[in-house]
Structures are given as structure tokens and as C-alpha cells.
Amino acid sequence: MDFSEDGYSMPALLNRSLSVLAVPAFNDNYLWLIHDGRHAAVVDPGDAAPILDALARHNLTLTAILLTHHHADHVGGVQTLLQSFKVPVFGPDSEAIAGVSQPLSEGDTADIPQLGLHLSVLDVPGHTSGHIAYVAAEQHWLFCGDTLFAGGCGRLFEGTPTQMTDSLAKLSALQDDTLVFCAHEYTLSNLRFALAVEPDNAKLIARIAAEQAKRDRNQPTVPSTIGLENATNPFLRYRQATIIANLQSAGRLEAADPVSAFAALREWKNTFK
């Protein structure tokens, strides 16, 4: 992925006194820095180096680390960051992640007083067994790791289709203007699949053009919004009669119950080119 010269292709998203900065890492990851111009919390720092660089560039002091799940590209930088900053590390209580000092599950809140930020926690298993998401209700922000992507969802490495549909339902029910800060730039690939699943979705066709234009300008396609995902993401739309009919006509679905339809979609996406 090609980013701008200084490594940051997204301007800070202003919401009251807080901003969110996209920090690119690896080939397609986004690490998120929530900050107020002085203090910052990082979400899923899979690599410490770009976070340390971003903190230095923006004259920020790290005050908290927020983790959604245990995969290395989300937690790999934690120990290095802790060598420089003695800060709380929030993470799922049912996954073994070194350094977590504040284990969380649904109903808990991650409070970061330096930012005046309060994040409610949702259990969203499916991609991993203990995956959690963070919701900033006041700012209408969602940090969902690898559960929900722009135009897609995570693979089911540890969970079941039923778990994932339940998890996605929680996210789908958030307010339409909630910004979806997912962890990867998978959008165009996801939308190509969505078009194969639902070729007559006019909103999807328009979205593909808009997202392609962003990438042509070397801009990220995330954050998305819950409203846009509900209108165009097949993994939130698997109950739609047209999607079920298309799965059946493609020979990918026999039973027409929603969970079977979701599982068929996920299996198709796993091999889609």
C-alpha cells in the first residue's frame, strides 16, 4: 500500500476535543491513535515503530493501549511501547495477551481520564473466540478490530457462524452515523465480492466508484459508517431475499435459514478472487 510521504494519508477526524489519526503499518493495517493534541491512546498497535514515530511527530504522550484480540498484527508492539510508557493496557479478558492489565468484557468500560474518553465494550466473538470492540458513544466511534470491515467481515478462525452473526448484529444496531474504524484496507476487495453477491444494489455500485476514487488519490477508505455498511455490506445483509436467492442459484446454499446463508457467504469469500 502506498501512503503519503510522511506516512499519514488521513487527516485527523475532529469530534469535540478529540481526533483520530490513522497510522499505516505492515501492508494493509491501520493502527488508530485517539488524541487531544497532547495525550493519546492507541488501538491495536501491531507494530510499535510507526506508533512511536507518530507520537514524536505530533508531540503526543501515550496514555493507554486498547486491544481487540490476540493476533500478532494487533498486539505485536505492546511490549516495546510499554518500555517507553507505563500505561494501562485494555484487552479481552478471555484471551491470553501479554501485558494486559485491564481485562474487559461486554458491559465494562475502558476509561481514559487524560482524554475524557469513555469506551463501552462489546463481546464480538467469531474472528477469535474472545474478540471485543470499543464504542465511544459520545463521539459515535466504533473500533472493531477484525470483526467488521468496510464491505466485509473477518474470517472465522476460532468462532462459529452463529457467534459471528450475533456479533455483527450488535454492531449493525449502532447509530447509522457511527464511524467504523476497522483495522485493514480490504475495502475494494470486499466490495468486488459484495457486487458478485448483490449485483443490482445501486448503493453498492455507487460506493465502489467512490472508494476507488479514494484509493486513486492515495486516501484510505476507512473509516466507514454503520449506515453505509448496512446498505452495502453483504455480511450485514445476508438476510436479504435477493442475496439468499443468488446463493441458491449459485449452488452455494440449500437451507435458506439466515445463519446458513451467512456461512455460505463467508465460505464463498474465503476463496473469492
Protein backbone atom coordinates (compact mmCIF):
# COMPACT_ATOMS: atom_id res chain seq x y z
CA MET A 1 0.00 0.00 0.00
CA ASP A 2 1.33 3.40 -0.95
CA PHE A 3 0.88 6.14 1.60
CA SER A 4 1.79 9.81 1.58
CA GLU A 5 5.38 10.84 2.14
CA ASP A 6 5.11 11.37 5.89
CA GLY A 7 3.23 8.10 6.41
CA TYR A 8 -0.17 9.56 7.23
CA SER A 9 -2.74 9.65 4.49
CA MET A 10 -5.78 10.56 6.62
CA PRO A 11 -6.26 13.93 8.27
CA ALA A 12 -7.30 13.78 11.91
CA LEU A 13 -11.04 13.33 12.31
CA LEU A 14 -12.28 16.01 14.64
CA ASN A 15 -15.02 15.26 17.14
CA ARG A 16 -15.33 17.71 20.01
CA SER A 17 -11.83 17.90 21.53
CA LEU A 18 -10.66 14.51 20.29
CA SER A 19 -9.23 13.38 16.98
CA VAL A 20 -8.42 10.03 15.42
CA LEU A 21 -5.23 9.61 13.44
CA ALA A 22 -4.68 6.71 11.04
CA VAL A 23 -1.19 5.21 11.30
CA PRO A 24 -0.43 2.73 8.49
CA ALA A 25 1.51 -0.43 9.33
CA PHE A 26 2.60 -3.62 7.57
CA ASN A 27 0.97 -3.98 4.13
CA ASP A 28 -2.62 -3.02 4.88
CA ASN A 29 -3.13 -2.42 8.62
CA TYR A 30 -4.39 0.74 10.22
CA LEU A 31 -3.35 1.49 13.79
CA TRP A 32 -5.52 4.17 15.37
CA LEU A 33 -4.34 6.97 17.63
CA ILE A 34 -7.08 8.75 19.57
CA HIS A 35 -5.70 12.06 20.83
CA ASP A 36 -6.43 15.58 22.05
CA GLY A 37 -3.23 17.19 20.82
CA ARG A 38 -1.33 16.24 23.99
CA HIS A 39 -2.31 12.73 25.10
CA ALA A 40 -3.06 9.68 23.00
CA ALA A 41 -4.47 6.17 23.23
CA VAL A 42 -3.54 3.61 20.61
CA VAL A 43 -5.83 0.88 19.30
CA ASP A 44 -4.27 -2.45 18.28
CA PRO A 45 -0.58 -1.48 17.96
CA GLY A 46 0.68 -4.44 15.98
CA ASP A 47 3.96 -2.60 15.39
CA ALA A 48 5.49 -0.15 17.85
CA ALA A 49 7.76 1.70 15.42
CA PRO A 50 5.11 3.63 13.45
CA ILE A 51 3.30 4.48 16.69
CA LEU A 52 6.44 5.82 18.32
CA ASP A 53 7.12 7.83 15.17
CA ALA A 54 3.58 9.24 15.11
CA LEU A 55 3.73 10.17 18.79
CA ALA A 56 7.01 12.01 18.22
CA ARG A 57 5.80 13.75 15.05
CA HIS A 58 2.65 15.02 16.74
CA ASN A 59 4.23 15.68 20.16
CA LEU A 60 1.86 13.25 21.88
CA THR A 61 2.27 11.27 25.10
CA LEU A 62 0.84 7.75 25.14
CA THR A 63 -1.64 7.23 27.99
CA ALA A 64 -3.36 3.93 27.15
CA ILE A 65 -3.28 0.89 24.89
CA LEU A 66 -6.52 -0.71 23.66
CA LEU A 67 -6.54 -4.22 22.21
CA THR A 68 -9.39 -6.01 20.45
CA HIS A 69 -7.92 -9.52 20.07
CA HIS A 70 -4.76 -11.54 20.31
CA HIS A 71 -3.47 -11.72 16.71
CA ALA A 72 0.12 -10.58 16.32
CA ASP A 73 -0.63 -7.78 13.86
CA HIS A 74 -2.77 -6.21 16.61
CA VAL A 75 -0.64 -6.77 19.72
CA GLY A 76 2.94 -7.15 18.45
CA GLY A 77 4.06 -3.69 19.51
CA VAL A 78 2.69 -3.71 23.04
CA GLN A 79 5.82 -4.77 24.91
CA THR A 80 8.02 -2.26 23.11
CA LEU A 81 5.56 0.56 23.82
CA LEU A 82 5.48 -0.41 27.50
CA GLN A 83 9.24 0.04 27.67
CA SER A 84 8.73 3.74 26.98
CA PHE A 85 5.29 4.35 28.50
CA LYS A 86 3.95 2.86 31.73
CA VAL A 87 0.30 2.86 30.74
CA PRO A 88 -2.75 0.65 31.23
CA VAL A 89 -3.35 -2.00 28.60
CA PHE A 90 -7.00 -2.81 27.99
CA GLY A 91 -7.88 -6.08 26.29
CA PRO A 92 -10.28 -9.03 26.18
CA ASP A 93 -10.50 -10.94 29.42
CA SER A 94 -10.81 -14.34 27.73
CA GLU A 95 -7.71 -14.18 25.56
CA ALA A 96 -4.15 -14.62 26.79
CA ILE A 97 -2.35 -11.43 25.76
CA ALA A 98 0.89 -10.48 27.45
CA GLY A 99 0.78 -7.07 29.08
CA VAL A 100 -2.98 -6.71 29.51
CA SER A 101 -3.56 -5.01 32.85
CA GLN A 102 -7.25 -4.14 32.43
CA PRO A 103 -9.15 -7.23 31.17
CA LEU A 104 -12.57 -6.36 29.77
CA SER A 105 -15.78 -7.99 28.61
CA GLU A 106 -19.18 -6.78 27.49
CA GLY A 107 -20.70 -4.30 29.90
CA ASP A 108 -17.33 -2.99 31.04
CA THR A 109 -15.99 0.46 30.24
CA ALA A 110 -12.48 1.50 29.29
CA ASP A 111 -11.98 4.93 30.87
CA ILE A 112 -9.07 7.10 29.75
CA PRO A 113 -9.24 10.15 32.01
CA GLN A 114 -6.45 12.09 30.29
CA LEU A 115 -8.65 12.19 27.18
CA GLY A 116 -12.00 12.38 28.92
CA LEU A 117 -12.83 9.28 26.87
CA HIS A 118 -15.22 6.53 27.90
CA LEU A 119 -15.41 3.44 25.71
CA SER A 120 -18.06 0.80 26.25
CA VAL A 121 -17.11 -2.78 25.47
CA LEU A 122 -18.96 -5.31 23.34
CA ASP A 123 -18.15 -9.01 23.11
CA VAL A 124 -17.89 -9.78 19.38
CA PRO A 125 -16.50 -13.32 19.03
CA GLY A 126 -16.21 -15.02 15.68
CA HIS A 127 -12.87 -13.96 14.20
CA THR A 128 -11.34 -15.03 17.50
CA SER A 129 -13.08 -16.55 20.49
CA GLY A 130 -12.66 -13.54 22.77
CA HIS A 131 -12.67 -10.59 20.36
CA ILE A 132 -14.05 -7.34 21.79
CA ALA A 133 -14.98 -3.98 20.27
CA TYR A 134 -14.89 -0.49 21.75
CA VAL A 135 -17.71 2.04 21.28
CA ALA A 136 -17.30 5.74 22.03
CA ALA A 137 -20.98 6.61 22.36
CA GLU A 138 -20.49 10.36 22.70
CA GLN A 139 -18.28 10.59 19.62
CA HIS A 140 -20.14 7.92 17.63
CA TRP A 141 -16.95 5.92 17.06
CA LEU A 142 -16.50 2.15 16.78
CA PHE A 143 -13.14 0.40 17.00
CA CYS A 144 -13.93 -3.12 15.86
CA GLY A 145 -10.59 -4.76 15.05
CA ASP A 146 -11.18 -7.59 12.58
CA THR A 147 -14.85 -8.32 13.29
CA LEU A 148 -16.38 -5.83 10.85
CA PHE A 149 -14.53 -4.48 7.83
CA ALA A 150 -15.54 -1.86 5.31
CA GLY A 151 -17.62 -4.01 2.98
CA GLY A 152 -16.79 -7.27 4.74
CA CYS A 153 -16.07 -9.13 7.97
CA GLY A 154 -13.24 -11.16 9.44
CA ARG A 155 -12.60 -14.82 8.76
CA LEU A 156 -13.93 -17.27 11.32
CA PHE A 157 -10.63 -18.52 12.72
CA GLU A 158 -11.94 -19.52 16.15
CA GLY A 159 -15.66 -18.81 16.25
CA THR A 160 -18.81 -20.09 14.60
CA PRO A 161 -21.19 -18.53 12.07
CA THR A 162 -23.78 -18.15 14.82
CA GLN A 163 -21.32 -16.28 17.02
CA MET A 164 -20.31 -14.02 14.17
CA THR A 165 -23.85 -13.19 13.13
CA ASP A 166 -24.67 -12.33 16.74
CA SER A 167 -21.55 -10.15 16.94
CA LEU A 168 -22.27 -8.34 13.70
CA ALA A 169 -25.86 -7.75 14.78
CA LYS A 170 -24.57 -5.79 17.78
CA LEU A 171 -22.50 -3.57 15.50
CA SER A 172 -25.21 -3.22 12.88
CA ALA A 173 -27.56 -1.89 15.55
CA LEU A 174 -25.35 1.09 16.36
CA GLN A 175 -26.41 4.50 15.09
CA ASP A 176 -26.07 4.95 11.34
CA ASP A 177 -23.58 7.80 11.70
CA THR A 178 -21.19 5.74 13.84
CA LEU A 179 -17.75 5.80 12.27
CA VAL A 180 -16.30 2.32 11.77
CA PHE A 181 -12.57 2.26 12.48
CA CYS A 182 -11.64 -1.22 11.29
CA ALA A 183 -8.10 -2.49 11.11
CA HIS A 184 -7.38 -3.18 7.43
CA GLU A 185 -7.56 -1.64 3.98
CA TYR A 186 -9.53 -4.50 2.44
CA THR A 187 -12.38 -2.39 1.12
CA LEU A 188 -12.11 -2.68 -2.67
CA SER A 189 -11.56 -6.44 -2.49
CA ASN A 190 -14.53 -6.77 -0.17
CA LEU A 191 -16.74 -4.67 -2.43
CA ARG A 192 -15.85 -6.71 -5.51
CA PHE A 193 -17.16 -9.71 -3.65
CA ALA A 194 -20.23 -7.79 -2.49
CA LEU A 195 -21.02 -6.95 -6.12
CA ALA A 196 -20.86 -10.62 -7.08
CA VAL A 197 -23.31 -11.37 -4.27
CA GLU A 198 -25.68 -8.45 -4.88
CA PRO A 199 -25.08 -7.08 -8.41
CA ASP A 200 -28.23 -4.94 -8.51
CA ASN A 201 -27.52 -2.94 -5.35
CA ALA A 202 -27.34 0.66 -6.61
CA LYS A 203 -25.85 1.96 -3.36
CA LEU A 204 -23.12 -0.66 -3.60
CA ILE A 205 -22.30 0.30 -7.18
CA ALA A 206 -22.03 3.96 -6.16
CA ARG A 207 -19.88 3.04 -3.18
CA ILE A 208 -17.41 1.10 -5.33
CA ALA A 209 -16.89 4.17 -7.53
CA ALA A 210 -16.42 6.42 -4.50
CA GLU A 211 -13.98 4.08 -2.76
CA GLN A 212 -11.96 3.51 -5.94
CA ALA A 213 -11.65 7.28 -6.32
CA LYS A 214 -10.25 7.50 -2.78
CA ARG A 215 -7.63 4.86 -3.49
CA ASP A 216 -6.74 6.57 -6.78
CA ARG A 217 -5.99 9.66 -4.66
CA ASN A 218 -3.96 7.54 -2.21
CA GLN A 219 -6.54 8.03 0.52
CA PRO A 220 -7.83 5.41 2.98
CA THR A 221 -11.35 4.08 2.52
CA VAL A 222 -11.88 3.89 6.28
CA PRO A 223 -13.50 4.88 8.49
CA SER A 224 -16.79 3.81 7.03
CA THR A 225 -20.15 4.30 8.74
CA ILE A 226 -22.64 1.81 10.12
CA GLY A 227 -25.30 3.21 7.80
CA LEU A 228 -23.12 2.61 4.75
CA GLU A 229 -22.26 -0.89 5.92
CA ASN A 230 -25.93 -1.75 6.48
CA ALA A 231 -26.68 -0.62 2.94
CA THR A 232 -23.81 -2.32 1.11
CA ASN A 233 -22.03 -4.97 3.21
CA PRO A 234 -23.28 -8.49 2.39
CA PHE A 235 -22.25 -9.78 5.81
CA LEU A 236 -24.80 -7.43 7.36
CA ARG A 237 -27.33 -8.06 4.57
CA TYR A 238 -27.28 -11.87 4.48
CA ARG A 239 -30.99 -12.00 5.35
CA GLN A 240 -31.92 -10.16 2.14
CA ALA A 241 -34.05 -12.31 -0.15
CA THR A 242 -32.00 -11.36 -3.21
CA ILE A 243 -28.76 -12.48 -1.56
CA ILE A 244 -30.28 -15.77 -0.45
CA ALA A 245 -31.65 -16.33 -3.96
CA ASN A 246 -28.27 -15.59 -5.52
CA LEU A 247 -26.56 -18.02 -3.15
CA GLN A 248 -29.07 -20.71 -4.04
CA SER A 249 -28.81 -20.11 -7.78
CA ALA A 250 -25.02 -20.36 -7.50
CA GLY A 251 -25.41 -23.75 -5.79
CA ARG A 252 -23.85 -22.46 -2.57
CA LEU A 253 -26.89 -22.70 -0.30
CA GLU A 254 -29.54 -25.34 0.32
CA ALA A 255 -31.22 -24.43 3.60
CA ALA A 256 -32.41 -20.83 3.45
CA ASP A 257 -32.08 -20.02 7.15
CA PRO A 258 -30.07 -16.86 7.88
CA VAL A 259 -27.10 -18.47 9.63
CA SER A 260 -26.65 -20.94 6.77
CA ALA A 261 -26.76 -18.03 4.34
CA PHE A 262 -24.11 -16.18 6.32
CA ALA A 263 -21.91 -19.28 6.50
CA ALA A 264 -22.26 -19.76 2.74
CA LEU A 265 -21.24 -16.16 2.14
CA ARG A 266 -18.19 -16.48 4.37
CA GLU A 267 -17.12 -19.72 2.68
CA TRP A 268 -17.52 -18.10 -0.75
CA LYS A 269 -15.49 -15.06 0.29
CA ASN A 270 -12.70 -17.29 1.58
CA THR A 271 -11.96 -18.44 -1.98
CA PHE A 272 -13.18 -15.42 -3.98
CA LYS A 273 -10.66 -13.94 -6.41
